[in-house]
PDB file of N, CA and C in Angstrom:
ATOM      1  N   MET A   1      81.935  80.184 199.500  1.00  0.00           N
ATOM      2  CA  MET A   1      83.145  79.758 200.178  1.00  0.00           C
ATOM      3  C   MET A   1      82.841  78.470 200.936  1.00  0.00           C
ATOM      4  N   LEU A   2      83.722  77.522 200.822  1.00  0.00           N
ATOM      5  CA  LEU A   2      83.599  76.259 201.532  1.00  0.00           C
ATOM      6  C   LEU A   2      84.644  76.224 202.642  1.00  0.00           C
ATOM      7  N   VAL A   3      84.192  75.964 203.865  1.00  0.00           N
ATOM      8  CA  VAL A   3      85.095  75.857 205.004  1.00  0.00           C
ATOM      9  C   VAL A   3      84.948  74.452 205.567  1.00  0.00           C
ATOM     10  N   LYS A   4      86.041  73.722 205.573  1.00  0.00           N
ATOM     11  CA  LYS A   4      86.023  72.372 206.123  1.00  0.00           C
ATOM     12  C   LYS A   4      86.353  72.420 207.615  1.00  0.00           C
ATOM     13  N   TYR A   5      85.597  71.659 208.362  1.00  0.00           N
ATOM     14  CA  TYR A   5      85.807  71.565 209.808  1.00  0.00           C
ATOM     15  C   TYR A   5      87.256  71.198 210.118  1.00  0.00           C
ATOM     16  N   GLU A   6      87.791  70.257 209.373  1.00  0.00           N
ATOM     17  CA  GLU A   6      89.161  69.797 209.602  1.00  0.00           C
ATOM     18  C   GLU A   6      90.167  70.934 209.439  1.00  0.00           C
ATOM     19  N   ASP A   7      89.913  71.832 208.501  1.00  0.00           N
ATOM     20  CA  ASP A   7      90.805  72.978 208.305  1.00  0.00           C
ATOM     21  C   ASP A   7      90.734  73.940 209.492  1.00  0.00           C
ATOM     22  N   LEU A   8      89.534  74.124 210.028  1.00  0.00           N
ATOM     23  CA  LEU A   8      89.399  74.973 211.215  1.00  0.00           C
ATOM     24  C   LEU A   8      90.163  74.397 212.395  1.00  0.00           C
ATOM     25  N   VAL A   9      90.160  73.076 212.524  1.00  0.00           N
ATOM     26  CA  VAL A   9      90.857  72.424 213.629  1.00  0.00           C
ATOM     27  C   VAL A   9      92.366  72.438 213.407  1.00  0.00           C
ATOM     28  N   GLU A  10      92.784  72.087 212.185  1.00  0.00           N
ATOM     29  CA  GLU A  10      94.212  71.944 211.911  1.00  0.00           C
ATOM     30  C   GLU A  10      94.920  73.276 211.639  1.00  0.00           C
ATOM     31  N   TYR A  11      94.230  74.180 210.958  1.00  0.00           N
ATOM     32  CA  TYR A  11      94.827  75.474 210.586  1.00  0.00           C
ATOM     33  C   TYR A  11      93.883  76.613 210.983  1.00  0.00           C
ATOM     34  N   PRO A  12      93.626  76.792 212.266  1.00  0.00           N
ATOM     35  CA  PRO A  12      92.603  77.765 212.669  1.00  0.00           C
ATOM     36  C   PRO A  12      92.887  79.204 212.245  1.00  0.00           C
ATOM     37  N   GLU A  13      94.102  79.669 212.415  1.00  0.00           N
ATOM     38  CA  GLU A  13      94.389  81.072 212.091  1.00  0.00           C
ATOM     39  C   GLU A  13      94.276  81.340 210.587  1.00  0.00           C
ATOM     40  N   GLU A  14      94.864  80.459 209.786  1.00  0.00           N
ATOM     41  CA  GLU A  14      94.815  80.649 208.331  1.00  0.00           C
ATOM     42  C   GLU A  14      93.380  80.564 207.815  1.00  0.00           C
ATOM     43  N   THR A  15      92.617  79.600 208.344  1.00  0.00           N
ATOM     44  CA  THR A  15      91.235  79.408 207.893  1.00  0.00           C
ATOM     45  C   THR A  15      90.372  80.593 208.317  1.00  0.00           C
ATOM     46  N   PHE A  16      90.563  81.049 209.532  1.00  0.00           N
ATOM     47  CA  PHE A  16      89.794  82.198 210.028  1.00  0.00           C
ATOM     48  C   PHE A  16      90.097  83.433 209.179  1.00  0.00           C
ATOM     49  N   LYS A  17      91.358  83.634 208.826  1.00  0.00           N
ATOM     50  CA  LYS A  17      91.725  84.782 207.981  1.00  0.00           C
ATOM     51  C   LYS A  17      91.057  84.689 206.607  1.00  0.00           C
ATOM     52  N   LYS A  18      90.978  83.478 206.048  1.00  0.00           N
ATOM     53  CA  LYS A  18      90.306  83.299 204.758  1.00  0.00           C
ATOM     54  C   LYS A  18      88.822  83.659 204.866  1.00  0.00           C
ATOM     55  N   ILE A  19      88.202  83.268 205.967  1.00  0.00           N
ATOM     56  CA  ILE A  19      86.790  83.584 206.185  1.00  0.00           C
ATOM     57  C   ILE A  19      86.610  85.098 206.285  1.00  0.00           C
ATOM     58  N   LEU A  20      87.455  85.744 207.091  1.00  0.00           N
ATOM     59  CA  LEU A  20      87.370  87.201 207.241  1.00  0.00           C
ATOM     60  C   LEU A  20      87.592  87.907 205.912  1.00  0.00           C
ATOM     61  N   ASN A  21      88.568  87.452 205.158  1.00  0.00           N
ATOM     62  CA  ASN A  21      88.847  88.044 203.857  1.00  0.00           C
ATOM     63  C   ASN A  21      87.638  87.915 202.933  1.00  0.00           C
ATOM     64  N   PHE A  22      87.018  86.752 202.931  1.00  0.00           N
ATOM     65  CA  PHE A  22      85.832  86.519 202.109  1.00  0.00           C
ATOM     66  C   PHE A  22      84.713  87.490 202.490  1.00  0.00           C
ATOM     67  N   ILE A  23      84.482  87.651 203.790  1.00  0.00           N
ATOM     68  CA  ILE A  23      83.433  88.546 204.268  1.00  0.00           C
ATOM     69  C   ILE A  23      83.737  89.993 203.877  1.00  0.00           C
ATOM     70  N   TYR A  24      84.979  90.402 204.049  1.00  0.00           N
ATOM     71  CA  TYR A  24      85.357  91.764 203.703  1.00  0.00           C
ATOM     72  C   TYR A  24      85.233  92.008 202.198  1.00  0.00           C
ATOM     73  N   GLU A  25      85.574  91.007 201.383  1.00  0.00           N
ATOM     74  CA  GLU A  25      85.436  91.158 199.936  1.00  0.00           C
ATOM     75  C   GLU A  25      83.979  91.323 199.532  1.00  0.00           C
ATOM     76  N   LEU A  26      83.088  90.603 200.208  1.00  0.00           N
ATOM     77  CA  LEU A  26      81.656  90.748 199.919  1.00  0.00           C
ATOM     78  C   LEU A  26      81.188  92.176 200.165  1.00  0.00           C
ATOM     79  N   GLY A  27      81.726  92.784 201.205  1.00  0.00           N
ATOM     80  CA  GLY A  27      81.363  94.160 201.543  1.00  0.00           C
ATOM     81  C   GLY A  27      82.226  95.193 200.854  1.00  0.00           C
ATOM     82  N   LYS A  28      83.112  94.711 199.981  1.00  0.00           N
ATOM     83  CA  LYS A  28      84.035  95.589 199.262  1.00  0.00           C
ATOM     84  C   LYS A  28      84.804  96.503 200.221  1.00  0.00           C
ATOM     85  N   SER A  29      85.227  95.904 201.334  1.00  0.00           N
ATOM     86  CA  SER A  29      85.999  96.628 202.349  1.00  0.00           C
ATOM     87  C   SER A  29      87.421  96.103 202.380  1.00  0.00           C
ATOM     88  N   LYS A  30      88.293  96.905 202.951  1.00  0.00           N
ATOM     89  CA  LYS A  30      89.682  96.485 203.106  1.00  0.00           C
ATOM     90  C   LYS A  30      89.813  95.706 204.410  1.00  0.00           C
ATOM     91  N   LEU A  31      90.415  94.546 204.324  1.00  0.00           N
ATOM     92  CA  LEU A  31      90.589  93.688 205.490  1.00  0.00           C
ATOM     93  C   LEU A  31      91.646  94.246 206.422  1.00  0.00           C
ATOM     94  N   GLN A  32      91.271  94.426 207.669  1.00  0.00           N
ATOM     95  CA  GLN A  32      92.208  94.827 208.707  1.00  0.00           C
ATOM     96  C   GLN A  32      92.013  93.854 209.866  1.00  0.00           C
ATOM     97  N   ILE A  33      93.075  93.165 210.229  1.00  0.00           N
ATOM     98  CA  ILE A  33      92.982  92.148 211.267  1.00  0.00           C
ATOM     99  C   ILE A  33      93.709  92.616 212.520  1.00  0.00           C
ATOM    100  N   ASP A  34      92.991  92.595 213.623  1.00  0.00           N
ATOM    101  CA  ASP A  34      93.583  92.849 214.934  1.00  0.00           C
ATOM    102  C   ASP A  34      94.083  91.492 215.426  1.00  0.00           C
ATOM    103  N   LYS A  35      95.390  91.300 215.429  1.00  0.00           N
ATOM    104  CA  LYS A  35      95.967  89.992 215.753  1.00  0.00           C
ATOM    105  C   LYS A  35      95.579  89.505 217.147  1.00  0.00           C
ATOM    106  N   LYS A  36      95.491  90.423 218.087  1.00  0.00           N
ATOM    107  CA  LYS A  36      95.117  90.042 219.450  1.00  0.00           C
ATOM    108  C   LYS A  36      93.678  89.515 219.481  1.00  0.00           C
ATOM    109  N   LYS A  37      92.771  90.213 218.802  1.00  0.00           N
ATOM    110  CA  LYS A  37      91.373  89.772 218.744  1.00  0.00           C
ATOM    111  C   LYS A  37      91.247  88.444 217.996  1.00  0.00           C
ATOM    112  N   LEU A  38      92.026  88.277 216.946  1.00  0.00           N
ATOM    113  CA  LEU A  38      91.993  87.031 216.177  1.00  0.00           C
ATOM    114  C   LEU A  38      92.408  85.857 217.056  1.00  0.00           C
ATOM    115  N   LYS A  39      93.515  86.009 217.747  1.00  0.00           N
ATOM    116  CA  LYS A  39      93.998  84.933 218.623  1.00  0.00           C
ATOM    117  C   LYS A  39      92.998  84.634 219.741  1.00  0.00           C
ATOM    118  N   ASN A  40      92.393  85.679 220.305  1.00  0.00           N
ATOM    119  CA  ASN A  40      91.396  85.497 221.350  1.00  0.00           C
ATOM    120  C   ASN A  40      90.150  84.783 220.804  1.00  0.00           C
ATOM    121  N   SER A  41      89.735  85.145 219.597  1.00  0.00           N
ATOM    122  CA  SER A  41      88.574  84.494 218.980  1.00  0.00           C
ATOM    123  C   SER A  41      88.836  83.010 218.762  1.00  0.00           C
ATOM    124  N   ILE A  42      90.023  82.693 218.285  1.00  0.00           N
ATOM    125  CA  ILE A  42      90.377  81.287 218.042  1.00  0.00           C
ATOM    126  C   ILE A  42      90.432  80.526 219.361  1.00  0.00           C
ATOM    127  N   LYS A  43      91.065  81.121 220.356  1.00  0.00           N
ATOM    128  CA  LYS A  43      91.189  80.454 221.650  1.00  0.00           C
ATOM    129  C   LYS A  43      89.819  80.228 222.296  1.00  0.00           C
ATOM    130  N   SER A  44      88.946  81.215 222.220  1.00  0.00           N
ATOM    131  CA  SER A  44      87.649  81.112 222.896  1.00  0.00           C
ATOM    132  C   SER A  44      86.650  80.222 222.169  1.00  0.00           C
ATOM    133  N   THR A  45      86.963  79.812 220.949  1.00  0.00           N
ATOM    134  CA  THR A  45      86.035  78.952 220.202  1.00  0.00           C
ATOM    135  C   THR A  45      86.591  77.552 219.950  1.00  0.00           C
ATOM    136  N   THR A  46      87.593  77.148 220.700  1.00  0.00           N
ATOM    137  CA  THR A  46      88.079  75.769 220.579  1.00  0.00           C
ATOM    138  C   THR A  46      86.984  74.832 221.071  1.00  0.00           C
ATOM    139  N   PHE A  47      87.089  73.577 220.710  1.00  0.00           N
ATOM    140  CA  PHE A  47      86.088  72.599 221.133  1.00  0.00           C
ATOM    141  C   PHE A  47      85.975  72.568 222.654  1.00  0.00           C
ATOM    142  N   ASN A  48      87.107  72.521 223.336  1.00  0.00           N
ATOM    143  CA  ASN A  48      87.081  72.455 224.800  1.00  0.00           C
ATOM    144  C   ASN A  48      86.393  73.669 225.418  1.00  0.00           C
ATOM    145  N   GLU A  49      86.657  74.850 224.881  1.00  0.00           N
ATOM    146  CA  GLU A  49      86.020  76.063 225.403  1.00  0.00           C
ATOM    147  C   GLU A  49      84.515  76.054 225.129  1.00  0.00           C
ATOM    148  N   MET A  50      84.121  75.599 223.947  1.00  0.00           N
ATOM    149  CA  MET A  50      82.701  75.530 223.614  1.00  0.00           C
ATOM    150  C   MET A  50      81.996  74.497 224.489  1.00  0.00           C
ATOM    151  N   GLN A  51      82.683  73.402 224.780  1.00  0.00           N
ATOM    152  CA  GLN A  51      82.130  72.365 225.645  1.00  0.00           C
ATOM    153  C   GLN A  51      81.910  72.918 227.060  1.00  0.00           C
ATOM    154  N   LYS A  52      82.886  73.669 227.576  1.00  0.00           N
ATOM    155  CA  LYS A  52      82.756  74.285 228.904  1.00  0.00           C
ATOM    156  C   LYS A  52      81.585  75.273 228.933  1.00  0.00           C
ATOM    157  N   LEU A  53      81.478  76.075 227.868  1.00  0.00           N
ATOM    158  CA  LEU A  53      80.410  77.057 227.786  1.00  0.00           C
ATOM    159  C   LEU A  53      79.043  76.374 227.749  1.00  0.00           C
ATOM    160  N   GLU A  54      78.950  75.282 226.998  1.00  0.00           N
ATOM    161  CA  GLU A  54      77.684  74.542 226.940  1.00  0.00           C
ATOM    162  C   GLU A  54      77.308  74.004 228.319  1.00  0.00           C
ATOM    163  N   LYS A  55      78.270  73.464 229.045  1.00  0.00           N
ATOM    164  CA  LYS A  55      77.989  72.930 230.388  1.00  0.00           C
ATOM    165  C   LYS A  55      77.531  74.048 231.334  1.00  0.00           C
ATOM    166  N   LYS A  56      78.128  75.226 231.177  1.00  0.00           N
ATOM    167  CA  LYS A  56      77.825  76.344 232.063  1.00  0.00           C
ATOM    168  C   LYS A  56      76.495  77.021 231.709  1.00  0.00           C
ATOM    169  N   GLU A  57      76.285  77.268 230.404  1.00  0.00           N
ATOM    170  CA  GLU A  57      75.140  78.088 229.982  1.00  0.00           C
ATOM    171  C   GLU A  57      74.133  77.374 229.105  1.00  0.00           C
ATOM    172  N   GLY A  58      74.417  76.123 228.724  1.00  0.00           N
ATOM    173  CA  GLY A  58      73.540  75.426 227.794  1.00  0.00           C
ATOM    174  C   GLY A  58      73.894  75.775 226.359  1.00  0.00           C
ATOM    175  N   PHE A  59      73.166  75.171 225.425  1.00  0.00           N
ATOM    176  CA  PHE A  59      73.422  75.416 224.009  1.00  0.00           C
ATOM    177  C   PHE A  59      72.082  75.475 223.302  1.00  0.00           C
ATOM    178  N   TYR A  60      71.719  76.650 222.817  1.00  0.00           N
ATOM    179  CA  TYR A  60      70.406  76.909 222.226  1.00  0.00           C
ATOM    180  C   TYR A  60      70.056  75.913 221.115  1.00  0.00           C
ATOM    181  N   GLU A  61      71.040  75.541 220.288  1.00  0.00           N
ATOM    182  CA  GLU A  61      70.789  74.684 219.138  1.00  0.00           C
ATOM    183  C   GLU A  61      70.661  73.193 219.500  1.00  0.00           C
ATOM    184  N   ALA A  62      70.884  72.837 220.755  1.00  0.00           N
ATOM    185  CA  ALA A  62      70.840  71.431 221.162  1.00  0.00           C
ATOM    186  C   ALA A  62      69.447  70.848 220.920  1.00  0.00           C
ATOM    187  N   VAL A  63      69.413  69.600 220.480  1.00  0.00           N
ATOM    188  CA  VAL A  63      68.137  68.906 220.306  1.00  0.00           C
ATOM    189  C   VAL A  63      67.740  68.268 221.631  1.00  0.00           C
ATOM    190  N   LYS A  64      66.489  67.898 221.741  1.00  0.00           N
ATOM    191  CA  LYS A  64      65.995  67.279 222.963  1.00  0.00           C
ATOM    192  C   LYS A  64      65.774  65.789 222.745  1.00  0.00           C
ATOM    193  N   ASN A  65      66.001  65.009 223.790  1.00  0.00           N
ATOM    194  CA  ASN A  65      65.750  63.571 223.708  1.00  0.00           C
ATOM    195  C   ASN A  65      64.266  63.297 223.979  1.00  0.00           C
ATOM    196  N   ALA A  66      63.892  62.032 224.048  1.00  0.00           N
ATOM    197  CA  ALA A  66      62.496  61.652 224.235  1.00  0.00           C
ATOM    198  C   ALA A  66      61.918  62.175 225.550  1.00  0.00           C
ATOM    199  N   ASP A  67      62.779  62.417 226.537  1.00  0.00           N
ATOM    200  CA  ASP A  67      62.324  62.922 227.835  1.00  0.00           C
ATOM    201  C   ASP A  67      62.292  64.453 227.886  1.00  0.00           C
ATOM    202  N   GLY A  68      62.615  65.103 226.773  1.00  0.00           N
ATOM    203  CA  GLY A  68      62.599  66.556 226.723  1.00  0.00           C
ATOM    204  C   GLY A  68      63.860  67.205 227.247  1.00  0.00           C
ATOM    205  N   GLU A  69      64.897  66.409 227.520  1.00  0.00           N
ATOM    206  CA  GLU A  69      66.164  66.958 228.015  1.00  0.00           C
ATOM    207  C   GLU A  69      67.087  67.248 226.841  1.00  0.00           C
ATOM    208  N   ASN A  70      67.889  68.296 226.983  1.00  0.00           N
ATOM    209  CA  ASN A  70      68.847  68.635 225.928  1.00  0.00           C
ATOM    210  C   ASN A  70      69.886  67.532 225.767  1.00  0.00           C
ATOM    211  N   VAL A  71      70.194  67.215 224.519  1.00  0.00           N
ATOM    212  CA  VAL A  71      71.266  66.272 224.203  1.00  0.00           C
ATOM    213  C   VAL A  71      72.545  67.086 224.062  1.00  0.00           C
ATOM    214  N   THR A  72      73.619  66.628 224.657  1.00  0.00           N
ATOM    215  CA  THR A  72      74.890  67.339 224.592  1.00  0.00           C
ATOM    216  C   THR A  72      75.324  67.516 223.144  1.00  0.00           C
ATOM    217  N   PHE A  73      75.568  68.756 222.742  1.00  0.00           N
ATOM    218  CA  PHE A  73      75.993  69.051 221.372  1.00  0.00           C
ATOM    219  C   PHE A  73      77.504  68.870 221.225  1.00  0.00           C
ATOM    220  N   PHE A  74      78.267  69.457 222.141  1.00  0.00           N
ATOM    221  CA  PHE A  74      79.727  69.364 222.097  1.00  0.00           C
ATOM    222  C   PHE A  74      80.157  68.152 222.916  1.00  0.00           C
ATOM    223  N   LYS A  75      79.978  66.977 222.325  1.00  0.00           N
ATOM    224  CA  LYS A  75      80.178  65.741 223.072  1.00  0.00           C
ATOM    225  C   LYS A  75      81.504  65.052 222.764  1.00  0.00           C
ATOM    226  N   TYR A  76      81.814  64.860 221.501  1.00  0.00           N
ATOM    227  CA  TYR A  76      82.949  64.012 221.136  1.00  0.00           C
ATOM    228  C   TYR A  76      84.227  64.750 220.802  1.00  0.00           C
ATOM    229  N   GLY A  77      84.134  65.827 220.082  1.00  0.00           N
ATOM    230  CA  GLY A  77      85.328  66.563 219.714  1.00  0.00           C
ATOM    231  C   GLY A  77      85.954  66.073 218.426  1.00  0.00           C
ATOM    232  N   PRO A  78      87.040  66.722 218.012  1.00  0.00           N
ATOM    233  CA  PRO A  78      87.671  66.428 216.718  1.00  0.00           C
ATOM    234  C   PRO A  78      88.125  64.978 216.557  1.00  0.00           C
ATOM    235  N   LYS A  79      88.585  64.344 217.608  1.00  0.00           N
ATOM    236  CA  LYS A  79      89.140  62.991 217.473  1.00  0.00           C
ATOM    237  C   LYS A  79      88.075  61.937 217.229  1.00  0.00           C
ATOM    238  N   LYS A  80      86.825  62.215 217.558  1.00  0.00           N
ATOM    239  CA  LYS A  80      85.753  61.248 217.364  1.00  0.00           C
ATOM    240  C   LYS A  80      85.038  61.427 216.034  1.00  0.00           C
ATOM    241  N   ASN A  81      85.494  62.350 215.202  1.00  0.00           N
ATOM    242  CA  ASN A  81      84.827  62.643 213.943  1.00  0.00           C
ATOM    243  C   ASN A  81      85.435  61.884 212.771  1.00  0.00           C
ATOM    244  N   GLU A  82      85.996  60.755 213.005  1.00  0.00           N
ATOM    245  CA  GLU A  82      86.645  60.014 211.940  1.00  0.00           C
ATOM    246  C   GLU A  82      85.700  58.976 211.358  1.00  0.00           C
ATOM    247  N   PRO A  83      85.855  58.672 210.060  1.00  0.00           N
ATOM    248  CA  PRO A  83      84.982  57.670 209.433  1.00  0.00           C
ATOM    249  C   PRO A  83      84.974  56.336 210.169  1.00  0.00           C
ATOM    250  N   SER A  84      86.075  55.991 210.830  1.00  0.00           N
ATOM    251  CA  SER A  84      86.139  54.716 211.532  1.00  0.00           C
ATOM    252  C   SER A  84      85.180  54.663 212.718  1.00  0.00           C
ATOM    253  N   SER A  85      84.655  55.815 213.148  1.00  0.00           N
ATOM    254  CA  SER A  85      83.706  55.819 214.259  1.00  0.00           C
ATOM    255  C   SER A  85      82.289  55.496 213.798  1.00  0.00           C
ATOM    256  N   LEU A  86      82.075  55.415 212.478  1.00  0.00           N
ATOM    257  CA  LEU A  86      80.769  55.046 211.926  1.00  0.00           C
ATOM    258  C   LEU A  86      80.668  53.536 211.768  1.00  0.00           C
ATOM    259  N   PRO A  87      79.457  52.996 211.885  1.00  0.00           N
ATOM    260  CA  PRO A  87      79.280  51.574 211.549  1.00  0.00           C
ATOM    261  C   PRO A  87      79.654  51.356 210.076  1.00  0.00           C
ATOM    262  N   GLU A  88      80.295  50.245 209.795  1.00  0.00           N
ATOM    263  CA  GLU A  88      80.803  49.947 208.443  1.00  0.00           C
ATOM    264  C   GLU A  88      79.725  50.074 207.367  1.00  0.00           C
ATOM    265  N   ASN A  89      78.538  49.532 207.624  1.00  0.00           N
ATOM    266  CA  ASN A  89      77.480  49.577 206.602  1.00  0.00           C
ATOM    267  C   ASN A  89      77.046  51.014 206.302  1.00  0.00           C
ATOM    268  N   LEU A  90      77.038  51.872 207.316  1.00  0.00           N
ATOM    269  CA  LEU A  90      76.677  53.278 207.116  1.00  0.00           C
ATOM    270  C   LEU A  90      77.778  54.011 206.358  1.00  0.00           C
ATOM    271  N   ARG A  91      79.037  53.752 206.688  1.00  0.00           N
ATOM    272  CA  ARG A  91      80.164  54.369 205.982  1.00  0.00           C
ATOM    273  C   ARG A  91      80.121  54.023 204.502  1.00  0.00           C
ATOM    274  N   ILE A  92      79.880  52.760 204.184  1.00  0.00           N
ATOM    275  CA  ILE A  92      79.819  52.307 202.783  1.00  0.00           C
ATOM    276  C   ILE A  92      78.671  52.982 202.048  1.00  0.00           C
ATOM    277  N   LYS A  93      77.523  53.079 202.695  1.00  0.00           N
ATOM    278  CA  LYS A  93      76.355  53.722 202.075  1.00  0.00           C
ATOM    279  C   LYS A  93      76.632  55.201 201.789  1.00  0.00           C
ATOM    280  N   ILE A  94      77.233  55.889 202.734  1.00  0.00           N
ATOM    281  CA  ILE A  94      77.573  57.307 202.547  1.00  0.00           C
ATOM    282  C   ILE A  94      78.571  57.467 201.406  1.00  0.00           C
ATOM    283  N   GLU A  95      79.616  56.638 201.393  1.00  0.00           N
ATOM    284  CA  GLU A  95      80.626  56.727 200.333  1.00  0.00           C
ATOM    285  C   GLU A  95      80.030  56.434 198.961  1.00  0.00           C
ATOM    286  N   LYS A  96      79.080  55.529 198.889  1.00  0.00           N
ATOM    287  CA  LYS A  96      78.434  55.199 197.607  1.00  0.00           C
ATOM    288  C   LYS A  96      77.560  56.362 197.139  1.00  0.00           C
ATOM    289  N   ASN A  97      76.746  56.903 198.040  1.00  0.00           N
ATOM    290  CA  ASN A  97      75.792  57.951 197.660  1.00  0.00           C
ATOM    291  C   ASN A  97      76.437  59.319 197.440  1.00  0.00           C
ATOM    292  N   PHE A  98      77.576  59.557 198.076  1.00  0.00           N
ATOM    293  CA  PHE A  98      78.221  60.867 197.974  1.00  0.00           C
ATOM    294  C   PHE A  98      79.656  60.760 197.453  1.00  0.00           C
ATOM    295  N   LYS A  99      79.890  59.757 196.618  1.00  0.00           N
ATOM    296  CA  LYS A  99      81.226  59.469 196.099  1.00  0.00           C
ATOM    297  C   LYS A  99      81.887  60.706 195.475  1.00  0.00           C
ATOM    298  N   ASN A 100      81.185  61.360 194.563  1.00  0.00           N
ATOM    299  CA  ASN A 100      81.773  62.512 193.859  1.00  0.00           C
ATOM    300  C   ASN A 100      82.137  63.637 194.819  1.00  0.00           C
ATOM    301  N   GLU A 101      81.247  63.946 195.749  1.00  0.00           N
ATOM    302  CA  GLU A 101      81.495  65.021 196.702  1.00  0.00           C
ATOM    303  C   GLU A 101      82.654  64.668 197.641  1.00  0.00           C
ATOM    304  N   LEU A 102      82.687  63.431 198.097  1.00  0.00           N
ATOM    305  CA  LEU A 102      83.755  62.998 199.010  1.00  0.00           C
ATOM    306  C   LEU A 102      85.113  63.004 198.314  1.00  0.00           C
ATOM    307  N   GLU A 103      85.136  62.643 197.032  1.00  0.00           N
ATOM    308  CA  GLU A 103      86.388  62.708 196.274  1.00  0.00           C
ATOM    309  C   GLU A 103      86.816  64.156 196.075  1.00  0.00           C
ATOM    310  N   GLU A 104      85.863  65.014 195.705  1.00  0.00           N
ATOM    311  CA  GLU A 104      86.177  66.427 195.477  1.00  0.00           C
ATOM    312  C   GLU A 104      86.740  67.085 196.739  1.00  0.00           C
ATOM    313  N   LEU A 105      86.190  66.733 197.890  1.00  0.00           N
ATOM    314  CA  LEU A 105      86.642  67.317 199.157  1.00  0.00           C
ATOM    315  C   LEU A 105      87.827  66.570 199.759  1.00  0.00           C
ATOM    316  N   ARG A 106      88.287  65.548 199.056  1.00  0.00           N
ATOM    317  CA  ARG A 106      89.447  64.731 199.446  1.00  0.00           C
ATOM    318  C   ARG A 106      89.227  63.975 200.763  1.00  0.00           C
ATOM    319  N   TYR A 107      87.984  63.553 200.987  1.00  0.00           N
ATOM    320  CA  TYR A 107      87.705  62.695 202.132  1.00  0.00           C
ATOM    321  C   TYR A 107      87.945  61.233 201.776  1.00  0.00           C
ATOM    322  N   ILE A 108      87.833  60.924 200.493  1.00  0.00           N
ATOM    323  CA  ILE A 108      88.224  59.617 199.993  1.00  0.00           C
ATOM    324  C   ILE A 108      89.127  59.852 198.796  1.00  0.00           C
ATOM    325  N   LYS A 109      89.978  58.862 198.497  1.00  0.00           N
ATOM    326  CA  LYS A 109      90.946  59.037 197.420  1.00  0.00           C
ATOM    327  C   LYS A 109      90.277  58.990 196.056  1.00  0.00           C
ATOM    328  N   PHE A 110      90.843  59.764 195.130  1.00  0.00           N
ATOM    329  CA  PHE A 110      90.379  59.746 193.758  1.00  0.00           C
ATOM    330  C   PHE A 110      90.633  58.383 193.163  1.00  0.00           C
ATOM    331  N   LYS A 111      89.680  57.934 192.397  1.00  0.00           N
ATOM    332  CA  LYS A 111      89.848  56.645 191.697  1.00  0.00           C
ATOM    333  C   LYS A 111      90.523  56.914 190.367  1.00  0.00           C
ATOM    334  N   GLU A 112      91.569  56.175 190.094  1.00  0.00           N
ATOM    335  CA  GLU A 112      92.324  56.360 188.832  1.00  0.00           C
ATOM    336  C   GLU A 112      91.600  55.729 187.677  1.00  0.00           C
TER     337      GLU A 112
END
């Protein structure tokens, strides 16, 4: 199963249900969704909530800088994840090396 970050941001409930369905199918179980728990899970895992949690408790997966201090993991959020935030030369290199994958995932337009 492929889950795109953008789908989680734009369609959180539908995407989360697809993930749950996939997991339940793997276990050959019948999917039963508690709507209250689903909404709470989505609300508690928004970028802003994760950012607050990181500030309060830290983030285990964070990398360390040269001084041994944790680098903020939840720093930019969904709006800073756009290709325009990359240097032009890096964007071009990525698009060249991963052209097929980017087209398949609809991150760049299909070439006619």
